[in-house]
Amino acid sequence: DAVRRRMAAFLARRQGTADEEVLEGELEVSRADLAVAREEGNQDEVAG
């Protein structure tokens, strides 16, 4: 949770137009994709 907030804030500052909440959502989607890939043993998706 702390890493997600810090990374979203970093991206928002550097991209200028991005909303931190939107970026946190993108990071959460990536985390969910990663969890499913690991659960299924799909290393290609993990690498993706």
ModelCIF file with pLDDT and N, C-alpha, C, O atoms, coordinates in Angstrom:
data_MODEL
#
_entry.id   MODEL 
#
_entity.id                         1 
_entity.type                       polymer 
_entity.pdbx_number_of_molecules   1 
#
_entity_poly.entity_id                      1 
_entity_poly.type                           'polypeptide(L)' 
_entity_poly.nstd_linkage                   no 
_entity_poly.nstd_monomer                   no 
_entity_poly.pdbx_seq_one_letter_code       DAVRRRMAAFLARRQGTADEEVLEGELEVSRADLAVAREEGNQDEVAG 
_entity_poly.pdbx_seq_one_letter_code_can   DAVRRRMAAFLARRQGTADEEVLEGELEVSRADLAVAREEGNQDEVAG 
_entity_poly.pdbx_strand_id                 A 
#
loop_
_entity_poly_seq.entity_id 
_entity_poly_seq.num 
_entity_poly_seq.mon_id 
_entity_poly_seq.hetero 
1 1  ASP n 
1 2  ALA n 
1 3  VAL n 
1 4  ARG n 
1 5  ARG n 
1 6  ARG n 
1 7  MET n 
1 8  ALA n 
1 9  ALA n 
1 10 PHE n 
1 11 LEU n 
1 12 ALA n 
1 13 ARG n 
1 14 ARG n 
1 15 GLN n 
1 16 GLY n 
1 17 THR n 
1 18 ALA n 
1 19 ASP n 
1 20 GLU n 
1 21 GLU n 
1 22 VAL n 
1 23 LEU n 
1 24 GLU n 
1 25 GLY n 
1 26 GLU n 
1 27 LEU n 
1 28 GLU n 
1 29 VAL n 
1 30 SER n 
1 31 ARG n 
1 32 ALA n 
1 33 ASP n 
1 34 LEU n 
1 35 ALA n 
1 36 VAL n 
1 37 ALA n 
1 38 ARG n 
1 39 GLU n 
1 40 GLU n 
1 41 GLY n 
1 42 ASN n 
1 43 GLN n 
1 44 ASP n 
1 45 GLU n 
1 46 VAL n 
1 47 ALA n 
1 48 GLY n 
#
_struct_asym.id          A 
_struct_asym.entity_id   1 
#
loop_
_ma_qa_metric.id 
_ma_qa_metric.mode 
_ma_qa_metric.name 
_ma_qa_metric.software_group_id 
_ma_qa_metric.type 
1 global pLDDT . pLDDT 
2 local  pLDDT . pLDDT 
#
_ma_qa_metric_global.metric_id      1 
_ma_qa_metric_global.metric_value   91.21 
_ma_qa_metric_global.model_id       1 
_ma_qa_metric_global.ordinal_id     1 
#
loop_
_ma_qa_metric_local.label_asym_id 
_ma_qa_metric_local.label_comp_id 
_ma_qa_metric_local.label_seq_id 
_ma_qa_metric_local.metric_id 
_ma_qa_metric_local.metric_value 
_ma_qa_metric_local.model_id 
_ma_qa_metric_local.ordinal_id 
A ASP 1  2 93.00 1 1  
A ALA 2  2 92.00 1 2  
A VAL 3  2 93.00 1 3  
A ARG 4  2 94.00 1 4  
A ARG 5  2 93.00 1 5  
A ARG 6  2 93.00 1 6  
A MET 7  2 94.00 1 7  
A ALA 8  2 94.00 1 8  
A ALA 9  2 92.00 1 9  
A PHE 10 2 93.00 1 10 
A LEU 11 2 92.00 1 11 
A ALA 12 2 92.00 1 12 
A ARG 13 2 89.00 1 13 
A ARG 14 2 87.00 1 14 
A GLN 15 2 80.00 1 15 
A GLY 16 2 73.00 1 16 
A THR 17 2 63.00 1 17 
A ALA 18 2 69.00 1 18 
A ASP 19 2 88.00 1 19 
A GLU 20 2 90.00 1 20 
A GLU 21 2 91.00 1 21 
A VAL 22 2 92.00 1 22 
A LEU 23 2 93.00 1 23 
A GLU 24 2 94.00 1 24 
A GLY 25 2 93.00 1 25 
A GLU 26 2 94.00 1 26 
A LEU 27 2 95.00 1 27 
A GLU 28 2 96.00 1 28 
A VAL 29 2 96.00 1 29 
A SER 30 2 96.00 1 30 
A ARG 31 2 96.00 1 31 
A ALA 32 2 95.00 1 32 
A ASP 33 2 95.00 1 33 
A LEU 34 2 94.00 1 34 
A ALA 35 2 94.00 1 35 
A VAL 36 2 95.00 1 36 
A ALA 37 2 93.00 1 37 
A ARG 38 2 92.00 1 38 
A GLU 39 2 93.00 1 39 
A GLU 40 2 94.00 1 40 
A GLY 41 2 93.00 1 41 
A ASN 42 2 93.00 1 42 
A GLN 43 2 92.00 1 43 
A ASP 44 2 93.00 1 44 
A GLU 45 2 93.00 1 45 
A VAL 46 2 92.00 1 46 
A ALA 47 2 93.00 1 47 
A GLY 48 2 94.00 1 48 
#
loop_
_atom_site.group_PDB 
_atom_site.id 
_atom_site.type_symbol 
_atom_site.label_atom_id 
_atom_site.label_alt_id 
_atom_site.label_comp_id 
_atom_site.label_asym_id 
_atom_site.label_entity_id 
_atom_site.label_seq_id 
_atom_site.pdbx_PDB_ins_code 
_atom_site.Cartn_x 
_atom_site.Cartn_y 
_atom_site.Cartn_z 
_atom_site.occupancy 
_atom_site.B_iso_or_equiv 
_atom_site.pdbx_formal_charge 
_atom_site.auth_seq_id 
_atom_site.auth_comp_id 
_atom_site.auth_asym_id 
_atom_site.auth_atom_id 
_atom_site.pdbx_PDB_model_num 
ATOM 1   N N  . ASP A 1 1  ? 0.831  -1.214  0.000   1.00 93.00 ? 1  ASP A N  1 
ATOM 2   C CA . ASP A 1 1  ? 0.000  0.000   0.000   1.00 93.00 ? 1  ASP A CA 1 
ATOM 3   C C  . ASP A 1 1  ? 0.867  1.267   0.000   1.00 93.00 ? 1  ASP A C  1 
ATOM 4   O O  . ASP A 1 1  ? 0.598  2.213   -0.741  1.00 93.00 ? 1  ASP A O  1 
ATOM 5   N N  . ALA A 1 2  ? 1.892  1.273   0.827   1.00 92.00 ? 2  ALA A N  1 
ATOM 6   C CA . ALA A 1 2  ? 2.784  2.441   0.895   1.00 92.00 ? 2  ALA A CA 1 
ATOM 7   C C  . ALA A 1 2  ? 3.567  2.597   -0.403  1.00 92.00 ? 2  ALA A C  1 
ATOM 8   O O  . ALA A 1 2  ? 3.731  3.712   -0.898  1.00 92.00 ? 2  ALA A O  1 
ATOM 9   N N  . VAL A 1 3  ? 4.048  1.496   -0.954  1.00 93.00 ? 3  VAL A N  1 
ATOM 10  C CA . VAL A 1 3  ? 4.807  1.543   -2.208  1.00 93.00 ? 3  VAL A CA 1 
ATOM 11  C C  . VAL A 1 3  ? 3.914  2.034   -3.334  1.00 93.00 ? 3  VAL A C  1 
ATOM 12  O O  . VAL A 1 3  ? 4.328  2.864   -4.143  1.00 93.00 ? 3  VAL A O  1 
ATOM 13  N N  . ARG A 1 4  ? 2.686  1.523   -3.388  1.00 94.00 ? 4  ARG A N  1 
ATOM 14  C CA . ARG A 1 4  ? 1.737  1.942   -4.432  1.00 94.00 ? 4  ARG A CA 1 
ATOM 15  C C  . ARG A 1 4  ? 1.507  3.458   -4.364  1.00 94.00 ? 4  ARG A C  1 
ATOM 16  O O  . ARG A 1 4  ? 1.530  4.139   -5.390  1.00 94.00 ? 4  ARG A O  1 
ATOM 17  N N  . ARG A 1 5  ? 1.287  3.979   -3.158  1.00 93.00 ? 5  ARG A N  1 
ATOM 18  C CA . ARG A 1 5  ? 1.054  5.424   -3.009  1.00 93.00 ? 5  ARG A CA 1 
ATOM 19  C C  . ARG A 1 5  ? 2.279  6.233   -3.427  1.00 93.00 ? 5  ARG A C  1 
ATOM 20  O O  . ARG A 1 5  ? 2.159  7.247   -4.113  1.00 93.00 ? 5  ARG A O  1 
ATOM 21  N N  . ARG A 1 6  ? 3.459  5.775   -3.007  1.00 93.00 ? 6  ARG A N  1 
ATOM 22  C CA . ARG A 1 6  ? 4.696  6.496   -3.342  1.00 93.00 ? 6  ARG A CA 1 
ATOM 23  C C  . ARG A 1 6  ? 4.962  6.473   -4.850  1.00 93.00 ? 6  ARG A C  1 
ATOM 24  O O  . ARG A 1 6  ? 5.345  7.490   -5.429  1.00 93.00 ? 6  ARG A O  1 
ATOM 25  N N  . MET A 1 7  ? 4.761  5.319   -5.480  1.00 94.00 ? 7  MET A N  1 
ATOM 26  C CA . MET A 1 7  ? 5.006  5.220   -6.921  1.00 94.00 ? 7  MET A CA 1 
ATOM 27  C C  . MET A 1 7  ? 3.988  6.056   -7.692  1.00 94.00 ? 7  MET A C  1 
ATOM 28  O O  . MET A 1 7  ? 4.340  6.728   -8.661  1.00 94.00 ? 7  MET A O  1 
ATOM 29  N N  . ALA A 1 8  ? 2.732  6.015   -7.265  1.00 94.00 ? 8  ALA A N  1 
ATOM 30  C CA . ALA A 1 8  ? 1.706  6.821   -7.936  1.00 94.00 ? 8  ALA A CA 1 
ATOM 31  C C  . ALA A 1 8  ? 2.035  8.308   -7.820  1.00 94.00 ? 8  ALA A C  1 
ATOM 32  O O  . ALA A 1 8  ? 1.880  9.054   -8.787  1.00 94.00 ? 8  ALA A O  1 
ATOM 33  N N  . ALA A 1 9  ? 2.484  8.741   -6.655  1.00 92.00 ? 9  ALA A N  1 
ATOM 34  C CA . ALA A 1 9  ? 2.848  10.143  -6.461  1.00 92.00 ? 9  ALA A CA 1 
ATOM 35  C C  . ALA A 1 9  ? 4.037  10.518  -7.358  1.00 92.00 ? 9  ALA A C  1 
ATOM 36  O O  . ALA A 1 9  ? 4.048  11.586  -7.971  1.00 92.00 ? 9  ALA A O  1 
ATOM 37  N N  . PHE A 1 10 ? 5.035  9.630   -7.428  1.00 93.00 ? 10 PHE A N  1 
ATOM 38  C CA . PHE A 1 10 ? 6.193  9.864   -8.292  1.00 93.00 ? 10 PHE A CA 1 
ATOM 39  C C  . PHE A 1 10 ? 5.751  10.009  -9.749  1.00 93.00 ? 10 PHE A C  1 
ATOM 40  O O  . PHE A 1 10 ? 6.143  10.957  -10.431 1.00 93.00 ? 10 PHE A O  1 
ATOM 41  N N  . LEU A 1 11 ? 4.936  9.069   -10.218 1.00 92.00 ? 11 LEU A N  1 
ATOM 42  C CA . LEU A 1 11 ? 4.475  9.109   -11.606 1.00 92.00 ? 11 LEU A CA 1 
ATOM 43  C C  . LEU A 1 11 ? 3.646  10.357  -11.871 1.00 92.00 ? 11 LEU A C  1 
ATOM 44  O O  . LEU A 1 11 ? 3.799  10.988  -12.917 1.00 92.00 ? 11 LEU A O  1 
ATOM 45  N N  . ALA A 1 12 ? 2.769  10.723  -10.939 1.00 92.00 ? 12 ALA A N  1 
ATOM 46  C CA . ALA A 1 12 ? 1.918  11.898  -11.121 1.00 92.00 ? 12 ALA A CA 1 
ATOM 47  C C  . ALA A 1 12 ? 2.765  13.172  -11.234 1.00 92.00 ? 12 ALA A C  1 
ATOM 48  O O  . ALA A 1 12 ? 2.503  14.023  -12.084 1.00 92.00 ? 12 ALA A O  1 
ATOM 49  N N  . ARG A 1 13 ? 3.776  13.296  -10.374 1.00 89.00 ? 13 ARG A N  1 
ATOM 50  C CA . ARG A 1 13 ? 4.646  14.481  -10.441 1.00 89.00 ? 13 ARG A CA 1 
ATOM 51  C C  . ARG A 1 13 ? 5.388  14.541  -11.768 1.00 89.00 ? 13 ARG A C  1 
ATOM 52  O O  . ARG A 1 13 ? 5.526  15.612  -12.358 1.00 89.00 ? 13 ARG A O  1 
ATOM 53  N N  . ARG A 1 14 ? 5.854  13.418  -12.227 1.00 87.00 ? 14 ARG A N  1 
ATOM 54  C CA . ARG A 1 14 ? 6.692  13.398  -13.429 1.00 87.00 ? 14 ARG A CA 1 
ATOM 55  C C  . ARG A 1 14 ? 5.894  13.424  -14.723 1.00 87.00 ? 14 ARG A C  1 
ATOM 56  O O  . ARG A 1 14 ? 6.409  13.854  -15.754 1.00 87.00 ? 14 ARG A O  1 
ATOM 57  N N  . GLN A 1 15 ? 4.649  12.972  -14.687 1.00 80.00 ? 15 GLN A N  1 
ATOM 58  C CA . GLN A 1 15 ? 3.841  12.987  -15.900 1.00 80.00 ? 15 GLN A CA 1 
ATOM 59  C C  . GLN A 1 15 ? 3.026  14.276  -16.013 1.00 80.00 ? 15 GLN A C  1 
ATOM 60  O O  . GLN A 1 15 ? 2.515  14.611  -17.082 1.00 80.00 ? 15 GLN A O  1 
ATOM 61  N N  . GLY A 1 16 ? 2.917  14.985  -14.903 1.00 73.00 ? 16 GLY A N  1 
ATOM 62  C CA . GLY A 1 16 ? 2.281  16.290  -14.933 1.00 73.00 ? 16 GLY A CA 1 
ATOM 63  C C  . GLY A 1 16 ? 0.768  16.289  -14.979 1.00 73.00 ? 16 GLY A C  1 
ATOM 64  O O  . GLY A 1 16 ? 0.135  17.065  -14.263 1.00 73.00 ? 16 GLY A O  1 
ATOM 65  N N  . THR A 1 17 ? 0.174  15.448  -15.794 1.00 63.00 ? 17 THR A N  1 
ATOM 66  C CA . THR A 1 17 ? -1.277 15.496  -15.966 1.00 63.00 ? 17 THR A CA 1 
ATOM 67  C C  . THR A 1 17 ? -1.988 14.332  -15.290 1.00 63.00 ? 17 THR A C  1 
ATOM 68  O O  . THR A 1 17 ? -3.217 14.318  -15.214 1.00 63.00 ? 17 THR A O  1 
ATOM 69  N N  . ALA A 1 18 ? -1.250 13.380  -14.812 1.00 69.00 ? 18 ALA A N  1 
ATOM 70  C CA . ALA A 1 18 ? -1.865 12.165  -14.284 1.00 69.00 ? 18 ALA A CA 1 
ATOM 71  C C  . ALA A 1 18 ? -2.391 12.374  -12.862 1.00 69.00 ? 18 ALA A C  1 
ATOM 72  O O  . ALA A 1 18 ? -1.772 13.068  -12.055 1.00 69.00 ? 18 ALA A O  1 
ATOM 73  N N  . ASP A 1 19 ? -3.525 11.773  -12.575 1.00 88.00 ? 19 ASP A N  1 
ATOM 74  C CA . ASP A 1 19 ? -4.153 11.802  -11.261 1.00 88.00 ? 19 ASP A CA 1 
ATOM 75  C C  . ASP A 1 19 ? -3.594 10.636  -10.436 1.00 88.00 ? 19 ASP A C  1 
ATOM 76  O O  . ASP A 1 19 ? -3.537 9.507   -10.922 1.00 88.00 ? 19 ASP A O  1 
ATOM 77  N N  . GLU A 1 20 ? -3.185 10.902  -9.204  1.00 90.00 ? 20 GLU A N  1 
ATOM 78  C CA . GLU A 1 20 ? -2.607 9.858   -8.359  1.00 90.00 ? 20 GLU A CA 1 
ATOM 79  C C  . GLU A 1 20 ? -3.557 8.690   -8.156  1.00 90.00 ? 20 GLU A C  1 
ATOM 80  O O  . GLU A 1 20 ? -3.121 7.539   -8.148  1.00 90.00 ? 20 GLU A O  1 
ATOM 81  N N  . GLU A 1 21 ? -4.840 8.961   -7.993  1.00 91.00 ? 21 GLU A N  1 
ATOM 82  C CA . GLU A 1 21 ? -5.804 7.871   -7.775  1.00 91.00 ? 21 GLU A CA 1 
ATOM 83  C C  . GLU A 1 21 ? -5.894 6.969   -9.005  1.00 91.00 ? 21 GLU A C  1 
ATOM 84  O O  . GLU A 1 21 ? -5.997 5.749   -8.880  1.00 91.00 ? 21 GLU A O  1 
ATOM 85  N N  . VAL A 1 22 ? -5.855 7.566   -10.172 1.00 92.00 ? 22 VAL A N  1 
ATOM 86  C CA . VAL A 1 22 ? -5.888 6.780   -11.412 1.00 92.00 ? 22 VAL A CA 1 
ATOM 87  C C  . VAL A 1 22 ? -4.630 5.911   -11.499 1.00 92.00 ? 22 VAL A C  1 
ATOM 88  O O  . VAL A 1 22 ? -4.697 4.737   -11.864 1.00 92.00 ? 22 VAL A O  1 
ATOM 89  N N  . LEU A 1 23 ? -3.497 6.501   -11.162 1.00 93.00 ? 23 LEU A N  1 
ATOM 90  C CA . LEU A 1 23 ? -2.242 5.751   -11.201 1.00 93.00 ? 23 LEU A CA 1 
ATOM 91  C C  . LEU A 1 23 ? -2.226 4.635   -10.166 1.00 93.00 ? 23 LEU A C  1 
ATOM 92  O O  . LEU A 1 23 ? -1.728 3.544   -10.442 1.00 93.00 ? 23 LEU A O  1 
ATOM 93  N N  . GLU A 1 24 ? -2.766 4.895   -8.976  1.00 94.00 ? 24 GLU A N  1 
ATOM 94  C CA . GLU A 1 24 ? -2.868 3.834   -7.974  1.00 94.00 ? 24 GLU A CA 1 
ATOM 95  C C  . GLU A 1 24 ? -3.742 2.697   -8.511  1.00 94.00 ? 24 GLU A C  1 
ATOM 96  O O  . GLU A 1 24 ? -3.454 1.524   -8.275  1.00 94.00 ? 24 GLU A O  1 
ATOM 97  N N  . GLY A 1 25 ? -4.806 3.047   -9.231  1.00 93.00 ? 25 GLY A N  1 
ATOM 98  C CA . GLY A 1 25 ? -5.660 2.025   -9.839  1.00 93.00 ? 25 GLY A CA 1 
ATOM 99  C C  . GLY A 1 25 ? -4.908 1.195   -10.867 1.00 93.00 ? 25 GLY A C  1 
ATOM 100 O O  . GLY A 1 25 ? -5.080 -0.022  -10.926 1.00 93.00 ? 25 GLY A O  1 
ATOM 101 N N  . GLU A 1 26 ? -4.070 1.846   -11.685 1.00 94.00 ? 26 GLU A N  1 
ATOM 102 C CA . GLU A 1 26 ? -3.272 1.123   -12.677 1.00 94.00 ? 26 GLU A CA 1 
ATOM 103 C C  . GLU A 1 26 ? -2.303 0.165   -11.987 1.00 94.00 ? 26 GLU A C  1 
ATOM 104 O O  . GLU A 1 26 ? -2.110 -0.968  -12.428 1.00 94.00 ? 26 GLU A O  1 
ATOM 105 N N  . LEU A 1 27 ? -1.703 0.636   -10.905 1.00 95.00 ? 27 LEU A N  1 
ATOM 106 C CA . LEU A 1 27 ? -0.786 -0.220  -10.154 1.00 95.00 ? 27 LEU A CA 1 
ATOM 107 C C  . LEU A 1 27 ? -1.527 -1.410  -9.541  1.00 95.00 ? 27 LEU A C  1 
ATOM 108 O O  . LEU A 1 27 ? -0.994 -2.519  -9.508  1.00 95.00 ? 27 LEU A O  1 
ATOM 109 N N  . GLU A 1 28 ? -2.745 -1.190  -9.058  1.00 96.00 ? 28 GLU A N  1 
ATOM 110 C CA . GLU A 1 28 ? -3.539 -2.286  -8.490  1.00 96.00 ? 28 GLU A CA 1 
ATOM 111 C C  . GLU A 1 28 ? -3.918 -3.308  -9.554  1.00 96.00 ? 28 GLU A C  1 
ATOM 112 O O  . GLU A 1 28 ? -3.920 -4.510  -9.291  1.00 96.00 ? 28 GLU A O  1 
ATOM 113 N N  . VAL A 1 29 ? -4.238 -2.834  -10.752 1.00 96.00 ? 29 VAL A N  1 
ATOM 114 C CA . VAL A 1 29 ? -4.544 -3.751  -11.859 1.00 96.00 ? 29 VAL A CA 1 
ATOM 115 C C  . VAL A 1 29 ? -3.330 -4.620  -12.160 1.00 96.00 ? 29 VAL A C  1 
ATOM 116 O O  . VAL A 1 29 ? -3.457 -5.828  -12.361 1.00 96.00 ? 29 VAL A O  1 
ATOM 117 N N  . SER A 1 30 ? -2.150 -4.000  -12.190 1.00 96.00 ? 30 SER A N  1 
ATOM 118 C CA . SER A 1 30 ? -0.919 -4.760  -12.421 1.00 96.00 ? 30 SER A CA 1 
ATOM 119 C C  . SER A 1 30 ? -0.709 -5.789  -11.323 1.00 96.00 ? 30 SER A C  1 
ATOM 120 O O  . SER A 1 30 ? -0.315 -6.923  -11.595 1.00 96.00 ? 30 SER A O  1 
ATOM 121 N N  . ARG A 1 31 ? -0.971 -5.394  -10.084 1.00 96.00 ? 31 ARG A N  1 
ATOM 122 C CA . ARG A 1 31 ? -0.804 -6.321  -8.953  1.00 96.00 ? 31 ARG A CA 1 
ATOM 123 C C  . ARG A 1 31 ? -1.768 -7.499  -9.082  1.00 96.00 ? 31 ARG A C  1 
ATOM 124 O O  . ARG A 1 31 ? -1.386 -8.644  -8.843  1.00 96.00 ? 31 ARG A O  1 
ATOM 125 N N  . ALA A 1 32 ? -3.007 -7.221  -9.458  1.00 95.00 ? 32 ALA A N  1 
ATOM 126 C CA . ALA A 1 32 ? -3.989 -8.300  -9.632  1.00 95.00 ? 32 ALA A CA 1 
ATOM 127 C C  . ALA A 1 32 ? -3.567 -9.226  -10.771 1.00 95.00 ? 32 ALA A C  1 
ATOM 128 O O  . ALA A 1 32 ? -3.658 -10.447 -10.643 1.00 95.00 ? 32 ALA A O  1 
ATOM 129 N N  . ASP A 1 33 ? -3.110 -8.655  -11.876 1.00 95.00 ? 33 ASP A N  1 
ATOM 130 C CA . ASP A 1 33 ? -2.626 -9.467  -13.002 1.00 95.00 ? 33 ASP A CA 1 
ATOM 131 C C  . ASP A 1 33 ? -1.457 -10.344 -12.565 1.00 95.00 ? 33 ASP A C  1 
ATOM 132 O O  . ASP A 1 33 ? -1.373 -11.515 -12.936 1.00 95.00 ? 33 ASP A O  1 
ATOM 133 N N  . LEU A 1 34 ? -0.568 -9.772  -11.780 1.00 94.00 ? 34 LEU A N  1 
ATOM 134 C CA . LEU A 1 34 ? 0.598  -10.503 -11.290 1.00 94.00 ? 34 LEU A CA 1 
ATOM 135 C C  . LEU A 1 34 ? 0.172  -11.652 -10.376 1.00 94.00 ? 34 LEU A C  1 
ATOM 136 O O  . LEU A 1 34 ? 0.702  -12.758 -10.478 1.00 94.00 ? 34 LEU A O  1 
ATOM 137 N N  . ALA A 1 35 ? -0.775 -11.394 -9.494  1.00 94.00 ? 35 ALA A N  1 
ATOM 138 C CA . ALA A 1 35 ? -1.239 -12.429 -8.570  1.00 94.00 ? 35 ALA A CA 1 
ATOM 139 C C  . ALA A 1 35 ? -1.868 -13.598 -9.330  1.00 94.00 ? 35 ALA A C  1 
ATOM 140 O O  . ALA A 1 35 ? -1.611 -14.758 -9.007  1.00 94.00 ? 35 ALA A O  1 
ATOM 141 N N  . VAL A 1 36 ? -2.680 -13.301 -10.325 1.00 95.00 ? 36 VAL A N  1 
ATOM 142 C CA . VAL A 1 36 ? -3.305 -14.358 -11.126 1.00 95.00 ? 36 VAL A CA 1 
ATOM 143 C C  . VAL A 1 36 ? -2.238 -15.140 -11.887 1.00 95.00 ? 36 VAL A C  1 
ATOM 144 O O  . VAL A 1 36 ? -2.274 -16.370 -11.924 1.00 95.00 ? 36 VAL A O  1 
ATOM 145 N N  . ALA A 1 37 ? -1.299 -14.435 -12.485 1.00 93.00 ? 37 ALA A N  1 
ATOM 146 C CA . ALA A 1 37 ? -0.232 -15.100 -13.250 1.00 93.00 ? 37 ALA A CA 1 
ATOM 147 C C  . ALA A 1 37 ? 0.589  -16.015 -12.360 1.00 93.00 ? 37 ALA A C  1 
ATOM 148 O O  . ALA A 1 37 ? 0.917  -17.137 -12.746 1.00 93.00 ? 37 ALA A O  1 
ATOM 149 N N  . ARG A 1 38 ? 0.921  -15.540 -11.172 1.00 92.00 ? 38 ARG A N  1 
ATOM 150 C CA . ARG A 1 38 ? 1.701  -16.384 -10.256 1.00 92.00 ? 38 ARG A CA 1 
ATOM 151 C C  . ARG A 1 38 ? 0.893  -17.580 -9.797  1.00 92.00 ? 38 ARG A C  1 
ATOM 152 O O  . ARG A 1 38 ? 1.422  -18.687 -9.700  1.00 92.00 ? 38 ARG A O  1 
ATOM 153 N N  . GLU A 1 39 ? -0.370 -17.373 -9.516  1.00 93.00 ? 39 GLU A N  1 
ATOM 154 C CA . GLU A 1 39 ? -1.233 -18.477 -9.082  1.00 93.00 ? 39 GLU A CA 1 
ATOM 155 C C  . GLU A 1 39 ? -1.351 -19.542 -10.164 1.00 93.00 ? 39 GLU A C  1 
ATOM 156 O O  . GLU A 1 39 ? -1.391 -20.736 -9.864  1.00 93.00 ? 39 GLU A O  1 
ATOM 157 N N  . GLU A 1 40 ? -1.406 -19.116 -11.407 1.00 94.00 ? 40 GLU A N  1 
ATOM 158 C CA . GLU A 1 40 ? -1.531 -20.044 -12.530 1.00 94.00 ? 40 GLU A CA 1 
ATOM 159 C C  . GLU A 1 40 ? -0.168 -20.561 -13.002 1.00 94.00 ? 40 GLU A C  1 
ATOM 160 O O  . GLU A 1 40 ? -0.105 -21.427 -13.875 1.00 94.00 ? 40 GLU A O  1 
ATOM 161 N N  . GLY A 1 41 ? 0.911  -20.042 -12.437 1.00 93.00 ? 41 GLY A N  1 
ATOM 162 C CA . GLY A 1 41 ? 2.249  -20.463 -12.864 1.00 93.00 ? 41 GLY A CA 1 
ATOM 163 C C  . GLY A 1 41 ? 2.617  -19.952 -14.241 1.00 93.00 ? 41 GLY A C  1 
ATOM 164 O O  . GLY A 1 41 ? 3.449  -20.551 -14.923 1.00 93.00 ? 41 GLY A O  1 
ATOM 165 N N  . ASN A 1 42 ? 2.007  -18.853 -14.660 1.00 93.00 ? 42 ASN A N  1 
ATOM 166 C CA . ASN A 1 42 ? 2.241  -18.298 -15.988 1.00 93.00 ? 42 ASN A CA 1 
ATOM 167 C C  . ASN A 1 42 ? 3.406  -17.305 -15.930 1.00 93.00 ? 42 ASN A C  1 
ATOM 168 O O  . ASN A 1 42 ? 3.208  -16.111 -15.707 1.00 93.00 ? 42 ASN A O  1 
ATOM 169 N N  . GLN A 1 43 ? 4.615  -17.815 -16.135 1.00 92.00 ? 43 GLN A N  1 
ATOM 170 C CA . GLN A 1 43 ? 5.805  -16.977 -16.042 1.00 92.00 ? 43 GLN A CA 1 
ATOM 171 C C  . GLN A 1 43 ? 5.877  -15.929 -17.149 1.00 92.00 ? 43 GLN A C  1 
ATOM 172 O O  . GLN A 1 43 ? 6.466  -14.865 -16.960 1.00 92.00 ? 43 GLN A O  1 
ATOM 173 N N  . ASP A 1 44 ? 5.283  -16.225 -18.298 1.00 93.00 ? 44 ASP A N  1 
ATOM 174 C CA . ASP A 1 44 ? 5.270  -15.233 -19.377 1.00 93.00 ? 44 ASP A CA 1 
ATOM 175 C C  . ASP A 1 44 ? 4.479  -14.000 -18.955 1.00 93.00 ? 44 ASP A C  1 
ATOM 176 O O  . ASP A 1 44 ? 4.885  -12.870 -19.225 1.00 93.00 ? 44 ASP A O  1 
ATOM 177 N N  . GLU A 1 45 ? 3.357  -14.224 -18.297 1.00 93.00 ? 45 GLU A N  1 
ATOM 178 C CA . GLU A 1 45 ? 2.536  -13.101 -17.837 1.00 93.00 ? 45 GLU A CA 1 
ATOM 179 C C  . GLU A 1 45 ? 3.223  -12.345 -16.700 1.00 93.00 ? 45 GLU A C  1 
ATOM 180 O O  . GLU A 1 45 ? 3.145  -11.118 -16.634 1.00 93.00 ? 45 GLU A O  1 
ATOM 181 N N  . VAL A 1 46 ? 3.890  -13.065 -15.812 1.00 92.00 ? 46 VAL A N  1 
ATOM 182 C CA . VAL A 1 46 ? 4.658  -12.418 -14.742 1.00 92.00 ? 46 VAL A CA 1 
ATOM 183 C C  . VAL A 1 46 ? 5.716  -11.505 -15.375 1.00 92.00 ? 46 VAL A C  1 
ATOM 184 O O  . VAL A 1 46 ? 5.871  -10.350 -14.978 1.00 92.00 ? 46 VAL A O  1 
ATOM 185 N N  . ALA A 1 47 ? 6.431  -12.034 -16.352 1.00 93.00 ? 47 ALA A N  1 
ATOM 186 C CA . ALA A 1 47 ? 7.449  -11.241 -17.043 1.00 93.00 ? 47 ALA A CA 1 
ATOM 187 C C  . ALA A 1 47 ? 6.814  -10.072 -17.789 1.00 93.00 ? 47 ALA A C  1 
ATOM 188 O O  . ALA A 1 47 ? 7.413  -9.003  -17.903 1.00 93.00 ? 47 ALA A O  1 
ATOM 189 N N  . GLY A 1 48 ? 5.603  -10.276 -18.295 1.00 94.00 ? 48 GLY A N  1 
ATOM 190 C CA . GLY A 1 48 ? 4.900  -9.212  -19.013 1.00 94.00 ? 48 GLY A CA 1 
ATOM 191 C C  . GLY A 1 48 ? 4.556  -8.027  -18.128 1.00 94.00 ? 48 GLY A C  1 
ATOM 192 O O  . GLY A 1 48 ? 3.963  -7.057  -18.599 1.00 94.00 ? 48 GLY A O  1 
#
